[in-house]
Amino acid sequence: MIYTLSTCSHCRAAKRFLDDCQVHYEFEDVDLLQGEERKSAIEKVRELNPACSFPTIIIEEKVIVGFKENEIREALGI
């Protein structure tokens, strides 16, 4: 799962990297959510990443904050 913002260049880079590696993933553009759905997503991101910065990437039990290609590769085993 990746929590992203639709306007975030690092978020787009992370998604593009995963697409290029043919990795299936789910994502939520938190800024496009509304009401309780948005509030819930922000609370979840804050639990994982107290700074509430984006992208917040969850791979199994590992949380990666920001687009860190080497950490993502390591977490995916690629």
Protein backbone atom coordinates (compact mmCIF):
# COMPACT_ATOMS: atom_id res chain seq x y z
CA MET A 1 0.00 0.00 0.00
CA ILE A 2 1.21 3.48 -0.79
CA TYR A 3 -0.29 6.63 0.68
CA THR A 4 0.34 9.47 -1.75
CA LEU A 5 -0.68 12.97 -2.75
CA SER A 6 -1.83 13.56 -6.31
CA THR A 7 0.46 16.60 -6.63
CA CYS A 8 3.60 15.01 -5.13
CA SER A 9 6.50 14.40 -7.54
CA HIS A 10 8.14 11.89 -5.17
CA CYS A 11 4.86 9.97 -4.99
CA ARG A 12 4.63 9.84 -8.79
CA ALA A 13 8.26 8.68 -8.97
CA ALA A 14 7.57 5.88 -6.47
CA LYS A 15 4.52 4.69 -8.42
CA ARG A 16 6.43 4.87 -11.72
CA PHE A 17 9.29 2.85 -10.20
CA LEU A 18 6.90 0.14 -8.99
CA ASP A 19 5.16 0.11 -12.38
CA ASP A 20 8.53 -0.23 -14.15
CA CYS A 21 9.39 -3.16 -11.84
CA GLN A 22 5.96 -4.69 -12.59
CA VAL A 23 5.03 -4.70 -8.90
CA HIS A 24 1.31 -4.81 -8.10
CA TYR A 25 0.37 -2.26 -5.45
CA GLU A 26 -2.59 -0.35 -4.10
CA PHE A 27 -2.49 3.36 -3.40
CA GLU A 28 -4.61 6.16 -2.02
CA ASP A 29 -4.19 9.77 -3.10
CA VAL A 30 -5.01 11.15 0.33
CA ASP A 31 -5.58 14.71 -0.94
CA LEU A 32 -8.37 13.48 -3.24
CA LEU A 33 -10.30 11.76 -0.44
CA GLN A 34 -13.07 13.57 1.41
CA GLY A 35 -14.74 13.52 4.78
CA GLU A 36 -14.30 10.50 7.02
CA GLU A 37 -12.38 8.60 4.35
CA ARG A 38 -9.74 11.36 4.24
CA LYS A 39 -9.63 11.69 8.03
CA SER A 40 -9.16 7.93 8.41
CA ALA A 41 -6.36 7.82 5.82
CA ILE A 42 -4.51 10.71 7.49
CA GLU A 43 -4.82 9.00 10.89
CA LYS A 44 -3.38 5.80 9.40
CA VAL A 45 -0.47 7.68 7.81
CA ARG A 46 0.27 9.45 11.13
CA GLU A 47 0.34 6.08 12.92
CA LEU A 48 2.93 4.82 10.43
CA ASN A 49 4.76 8.10 9.92
CA PRO A 50 4.25 10.77 12.63
CA ALA A 51 5.52 13.51 10.29
CA CYS A 52 2.64 12.60 7.93
CA SER A 53 4.85 13.03 4.88
CA PHE A 54 4.39 11.43 1.49
CA PRO A 55 4.78 8.96 -0.01
CA THR A 56 4.35 6.56 2.87
CA ILE A 57 4.98 3.07 1.51
CA ILE A 58 4.09 -0.13 3.35
CA ILE A 59 5.73 -3.35 2.12
CA GLU A 60 4.74 -6.24 4.36
CA GLU A 61 5.69 -4.92 7.84
CA LYS A 62 8.21 -2.33 6.62
CA VAL A 63 7.32 1.36 6.38
CA ILE A 64 9.32 3.49 3.97
CA VAL A 65 8.83 7.26 4.06
CA GLY A 66 9.73 9.04 0.85
CA PHE A 67 10.89 7.63 -2.46
CA LYS A 68 13.96 5.64 -1.46
CA GLU A 69 14.61 3.30 -4.37
CA ASN A 70 17.24 1.18 -2.60
CA GLU A 71 15.03 0.62 0.46
CA ILE A 72 12.09 -0.27 -1.76
CA ARG A 73 14.22 -2.74 -3.76
CA GLU A 74 15.48 -4.32 -0.55
CA ALA A 75 11.98 -4.63 0.93
CA LEU A 76 10.71 -6.23 -2.29
CA GLY A 77 13.74 -8.45 -2.73
CA ILE A 78 14.49 -7.15 -6.23
